[in-house]
């Protein structure tokens, strides 16, 4: 009887040790996988930071943003569940972008005088769009406002900066064109219907933009190119792409507000 008890005890101890060894191995394997995810996706941090800072009209400390994005990447690796998420890169993109946005949140981007100039341009745009039934060319809009085209583009870039947080990061959402659409927020059928309707309206608004503006938006959001990469595709300078991107976003935002 004693021998059998000793044998049973030994069996239990062996099973406990095996369980602990398996768990330790799993932990080591998980840590190795997390480290690999982090190292493999470090370039994604800089890519996201470049995308984010392209929306700003002023220079900001890239190192702070890269540090914040890297921390977001580390947290993504720690929290990623391969059984629930489709792909780590997509999950990491969302977490990195959210971390970078959080770093910028609360800063004052646009002075009051710039707000007034933006409203002035919006009013002129509505007037011309209503009269013509289509988006006015940038040159005509500049003439209506009474500024140079270069000044108009600066206003577009300030407007892009003004709407930056609301468009690109108040909440975690998918990259690409989905960045324009609010997240689901839950399984509510009504929320899904509203989201689908907004996406349809957004898609329709994009198709109604001039071809140049459609190309800029699709390259930047759908194909997820940076300003520099978009400039290379279009054969123009990066600063010119920034101007055209800001102009396209301005027109899109006006369409989404009901201006023709």
Protein backbone atom coordinates (compact mmCIF):
# COMPACT_ATOMS: atom_id res chain seq x y z
CA UNK A 1 0.00 0.00 0.00
CA UNK A 2 2.82 2.33 0.93
CA UNK A 3 4.66 1.65 -2.30
CA UNK A 4 1.57 2.41 -4.33
CA UNK A 5 1.06 5.67 -2.45
CA UNK A 6 4.66 6.66 -3.01
CA UNK A 7 4.31 5.86 -6.70
CA UNK A 8 1.14 7.91 -6.97
CA UNK A 9 2.86 10.79 -5.22
CA UNK A 10 5.79 10.57 -7.58
CA UNK A 11 3.41 10.58 -10.55
CA UNK A 12 1.68 13.71 -9.27
CA UNK A 13 5.01 15.43 -8.71
CA UNK A 14 6.16 14.51 -12.20
CA UNK A 15 2.95 15.90 -13.70
CA UNK A 16 3.34 19.14 -11.70
CA UNK A 17 6.92 19.50 -12.87
CA UNK A 18 5.92 18.75 -16.46
CA UNK A 19 3.14 21.35 -16.27
CA UNK A 20 5.53 23.92 -14.86
CA UNK A 21 8.14 23.14 -17.50
CA UNK A 22 5.55 23.40 -20.25
CA UNK A 23 4.35 26.73 -18.87
CA UNK A 24 7.91 28.02 -18.59
CA UNK A 25 8.61 26.95 -22.16
CA UNK A 26 5.42 28.61 -23.34
CA UNK A 27 6.38 31.81 -21.52
CA UNK A 28 9.83 31.76 -23.09
CA UNK A 29 8.34 31.09 -26.51
CA UNK A 30 5.86 33.94 -26.05
CA UNK A 31 8.63 36.32 -24.98
CA UNK A 32 10.70 35.33 -27.99
CA UNK A 33 7.72 35.88 -30.29
CA UNK A 34 6.98 39.27 -28.72
CA UNK A 35 10.61 40.31 -29.18
CA UNK A 36 10.48 39.23 -32.81
CA UNK A 37 7.25 41.18 -33.41
CA UNK A 38 8.81 44.29 -31.89
CA UNK A 39 12.08 44.07 -33.84
CA UNK A 40 10.34 43.24 -37.12
CA UNK A 41 7.91 46.15 -36.82
CA UNK A 42 10.19 48.94 -35.58
CA UNK A 43 10.22 50.46 -39.12
CA UNK A 44 6.42 50.68 -38.87
CA UNK A 45 6.81 53.13 -35.97
CA UNK A 46 8.70 55.63 -38.12
CA UNK A 47 6.23 55.11 -40.96
CA UNK A 48 3.30 55.94 -38.69
CA UNK A 49 5.09 58.98 -37.25
CA UNK A 50 5.76 60.24 -40.77
CA UNK A 51 2.09 59.82 -41.64
CA UNK A 52 1.01 61.64 -38.51
CA UNK A 53 3.43 64.56 -38.73
CA UNK A 54 2.51 65.07 -42.40
CA UNK A 55 -0.84 66.35 -41.11
CA UNK A 56 0.75 69.09 -39.00
CA UNK A 57 1.57 72.56 -40.27
CA UNK A 58 4.47 72.98 -37.86
CA UNK A 59 7.52 70.96 -36.92
CA UNK A 60 7.33 68.77 -33.86
CA UNK A 61 9.81 66.63 -31.93
CA UNK A 62 10.03 63.42 -33.92
CA UNK A 63 12.05 61.63 -31.27
CA UNK A 64 9.29 62.06 -28.70
CA UNK A 65 6.74 60.72 -31.16
CA UNK A 66 8.97 57.80 -32.14
CA UNK A 67 9.47 56.95 -28.47
CA UNK A 68 5.71 57.06 -27.90
CA UNK A 69 5.09 54.94 -30.99
CA UNK A 70 7.70 52.40 -29.92
CA UNK A 71 6.02 52.10 -26.54
CA UNK A 72 2.74 51.53 -28.39
CA UNK A 73 4.43 48.76 -30.39
CA UNK A 74 5.72 47.09 -27.22
CA UNK A 75 2.26 47.21 -25.66
CA UNK A 76 0.80 45.79 -28.87
CA UNK A 77 3.19 42.85 -28.74
CA UNK A 78 2.34 42.21 -25.10
CA UNK A 79 -1.42 42.35 -25.67
CA UNK A 80 -1.75 40.71 -29.09
CA UNK A 81 -3.94 37.62 -29.19
CA UNK A 82 -3.42 35.69 -32.40
CA UNK A 83 -6.66 33.80 -31.85
CA UNK A 84 -8.72 37.00 -31.99
CA UNK A 85 -6.73 39.37 -34.22
CA UNK A 86 -6.26 38.75 -37.94
CA UNK A 87 -2.72 40.08 -38.30
CA UNK A 88 -0.19 41.56 -35.91
CA UNK A 89 0.83 44.34 -38.31
CA UNK A 90 -2.71 45.69 -38.49
CA UNK A 91 -3.11 45.50 -34.72
CA UNK A 92 0.27 47.14 -34.16
CA UNK A 93 -0.52 49.93 -36.64
CA UNK A 94 -3.60 50.83 -34.62
CA UNK A 95 -1.80 50.76 -31.27
CA UNK A 96 1.23 52.70 -32.56
CA UNK A 97 -0.93 55.38 -34.13
CA UNK A 98 -3.00 55.64 -30.97
CA UNK A 99 0.15 56.11 -28.88
CA UNK A 100 1.46 58.83 -31.21
CA UNK A 101 -1.91 60.60 -31.19
CA UNK A 102 -1.99 60.44 -27.39
CA UNK A 103 1.43 62.11 -27.35
CA UNK A 104 0.03 64.96 -29.41
CA UNK A 105 -3.38 65.16 -27.75
CA UNK A 106 -4.13 68.33 -25.88
CA UNK A 107 -1.69 70.52 -27.79
CA UNK A 108 -3.05 73.69 -29.36
CA UNK A 109 -2.58 73.45 -33.13
CA UNK A 110 -4.45 76.37 -34.67
CA UNK A 111 -4.54 80.02 -33.44
CA UNK A 112 -7.86 81.92 -33.39
CA UNK A 113 -6.83 84.09 -36.37
CA UNK A 114 -6.32 80.95 -38.44
CA UNK A 115 -9.77 79.67 -37.46
CA UNK A 116 -11.23 82.88 -38.84
CA UNK A 117 -9.31 82.51 -42.11
CA UNK A 118 -10.48 78.91 -42.47
CA UNK A 119 -14.09 79.96 -41.98
CA UNK A 120 -13.63 82.70 -44.57
CA UNK A 121 -12.36 80.16 -47.10
CA UNK A 122 -15.19 77.75 -46.26
CA UNK A 123 -17.77 80.48 -46.87
CA UNK A 124 -16.20 81.37 -50.24
CA UNK A 125 -16.09 77.69 -51.20
CA UNK A 126 -19.79 77.23 -50.45
CA UNK A 127 -20.65 80.29 -52.51
CA UNK A 128 -18.71 79.16 -55.58
CA UNK A 129 -19.75 75.51 -55.26
CA UNK A 130 -23.42 76.51 -55.04
CA UNK A 131 -23.15 78.80 -58.05
CA UNK A 132 -21.32 76.26 -60.21
CA UNK A 133 -22.64 72.97 -58.90
CA UNK A 134 -19.14 71.56 -58.54
CA UNK A 135 -15.96 72.14 -56.50
CA UNK A 136 -14.24 75.35 -57.61
CA UNK A 137 -10.61 75.16 -58.80
CA UNK A 138 -8.09 76.29 -56.20
CA UNK A 139 -7.15 79.29 -58.34
CA UNK A 140 -10.76 80.52 -58.47
CA UNK A 141 -11.23 79.98 -54.75
CA UNK A 142 -8.07 81.95 -53.99
CA UNK A 143 -9.33 84.81 -56.16
CA UNK A 144 -12.70 84.78 -54.41
CA UNK A 145 -11.03 84.92 -51.00
CA UNK A 146 -8.58 87.58 -52.19
CA UNK A 147 -5.37 85.71 -51.44
CA UNK A 148 -2.63 84.11 -53.49
CA UNK A 149 -2.84 80.41 -54.33
CA UNK A 150 0.17 79.83 -52.08
CA UNK A 151 -1.65 81.52 -49.19
CA UNK A 152 -4.74 79.43 -49.91
CA UNK A 153 -2.71 76.22 -49.68
CA UNK A 154 -1.30 77.38 -46.35
CA UNK A 155 -4.87 77.82 -45.14
CA UNK A 156 -5.74 74.33 -46.40
CA UNK A 157 -2.81 72.94 -44.44
CA UNK A 158 -3.93 74.79 -41.32
CA UNK A 159 -7.45 73.40 -41.82
CA UNK A 160 -5.99 69.91 -42.14
CA UNK A 161 -4.14 70.49 -38.90
CA UNK A 162 -7.31 71.78 -37.24
CA UNK A 163 -9.22 68.62 -38.09
CA UNK A 164 -6.27 66.32 -37.51
CA UNK A 165 -7.32 64.73 -34.24
CA UNK A 166 -10.95 64.27 -35.21
CA UNK A 167 -10.03 62.60 -38.49
CA UNK A 168 -6.96 60.62 -37.52
CA UNK A 169 -6.93 59.59 -33.94
CA UNK A 170 -9.64 60.37 -31.42
CA UNK A 171 -10.09 56.61 -31.23
CA UNK A 172 -8.36 53.48 -32.42
CA UNK A 173 -9.53 52.53 -35.88
CA UNK A 174 -8.29 50.71 -38.90
CA UNK A 175 -5.69 52.39 -41.16
CA UNK A 176 -6.27 53.50 -44.76
CA UNK A 177 -9.58 55.12 -45.75
CA UNK A 178 -11.20 53.70 -42.65
CA UNK A 179 -9.37 56.44 -40.74
CA UNK A 180 -12.13 58.80 -41.83
CA UNK A 181 -14.88 56.66 -40.33
CA UNK A 182 -15.69 56.48 -36.59
CA UNK A 183 -15.16 53.07 -34.95
CA UNK A 184 -17.97 50.65 -34.29
CA UNK A 185 -17.91 51.15 -30.54
CA UNK A 186 -19.82 47.93 -30.00
CA UNK A 187 -22.06 45.34 -31.60
CA UNK A 188 -25.11 47.64 -31.80
CA UNK A 189 -26.92 47.05 -35.11
CA UNK A 190 -27.83 50.75 -35.20
CA UNK A 191 -24.17 51.73 -34.85
CA UNK A 192 -23.24 49.37 -37.67
CA UNK A 193 -25.95 50.84 -39.92
CA UNK A 194 -24.77 54.38 -39.19
CA UNK A 195 -21.17 53.41 -39.83
CA UNK A 196 -22.04 51.73 -43.12
CA UNK A 197 -24.04 54.76 -44.21
CA UNK A 198 -21.19 57.10 -43.36
CA UNK A 199 -18.76 54.93 -45.30
CA UNK A 200 -21.08 54.96 -48.33
CA UNK A 201 -21.34 58.75 -48.13
CA UNK A 202 -17.58 59.05 -47.82
CA UNK A 203 -17.01 56.80 -50.81
CA UNK A 204 -19.53 58.77 -52.87
CA UNK A 205 -17.94 62.08 -51.85
CA UNK A 206 -14.51 60.84 -52.93
CA UNK A 207 -15.78 59.70 -56.33
CA UNK A 208 -17.19 63.19 -56.92
CA UNK A 209 -13.85 64.92 -56.31
CA UNK A 210 -11.64 65.97 -59.23
CA UNK A 211 -9.42 63.14 -60.45
CA UNK A 212 -6.23 64.64 -59.04
CA UNK A 213 -7.76 64.82 -55.57
CA UNK A 214 -9.07 61.25 -55.77
CA UNK A 215 -5.63 59.97 -56.73
CA UNK A 216 -3.96 61.82 -53.85
CA UNK A 217 -6.41 60.46 -51.27
CA UNK A 218 -6.31 56.89 -52.57
CA UNK A 219 -2.52 56.79 -52.69
CA UNK A 220 -2.20 58.26 -49.22
CA UNK A 221 -4.99 56.40 -47.43
CA UNK A 222 -5.89 53.29 -49.43
CA UNK A 223 -2.32 52.37 -50.40
CA UNK A 224 -0.94 53.86 -47.17
CA UNK A 225 1.91 55.73 -48.86
CA UNK A 226 3.74 58.55 -47.10
CA UNK A 227 3.88 62.06 -48.56
CA UNK A 228 7.36 61.31 -49.87
CA UNK A 229 6.28 58.06 -51.51
CA UNK A 230 3.21 59.72 -53.00
CA UNK A 231 5.41 62.48 -54.41
CA UNK A 232 7.61 59.88 -56.08
CA UNK A 233 4.60 58.19 -57.67
CA UNK A 234 3.22 61.48 -58.98
CA UNK A 235 6.57 62.93 -59.99
CA UNK A 236 6.22 66.11 -57.92
CA UNK A 237 7.86 67.48 -54.79
CA UNK A 238 6.87 66.37 -51.32
CA UNK A 239 5.79 69.91 -50.42
CA UNK A 240 3.53 69.97 -53.48
CA UNK A 241 1.92 66.69 -52.43
CA UNK A 242 1.30 68.18 -49.00
CA UNK A 243 -0.49 71.12 -50.63
CA UNK A 244 -2.58 68.89 -52.89
CA UNK A 245 -3.40 66.52 -50.04
CA UNK A 246 -4.57 69.41 -47.85
CA UNK A 247 -6.65 70.79 -50.73
CA UNK A 248 -8.26 67.39 -51.37
CA UNK A 249 -9.06 66.91 -47.68
CA UNK A 250 -10.60 70.39 -47.51
CA UNK A 251 -12.88 69.64 -50.47
CA UNK A 252 -13.79 66.25 -49.05
CA UNK A 253 -14.67 67.73 -45.66
CA UNK A 254 -16.84 70.37 -47.37
CA UNK A 255 -18.66 67.67 -49.33
CA UNK A 256 -19.26 65.67 -46.19
CA UNK A 257 -20.77 68.82 -44.64
CA UNK A 258 -23.16 69.18 -47.52
CA UNK A 259 -21.35 71.71 -49.72
CA UNK A 260 -21.47 70.72 -53.40
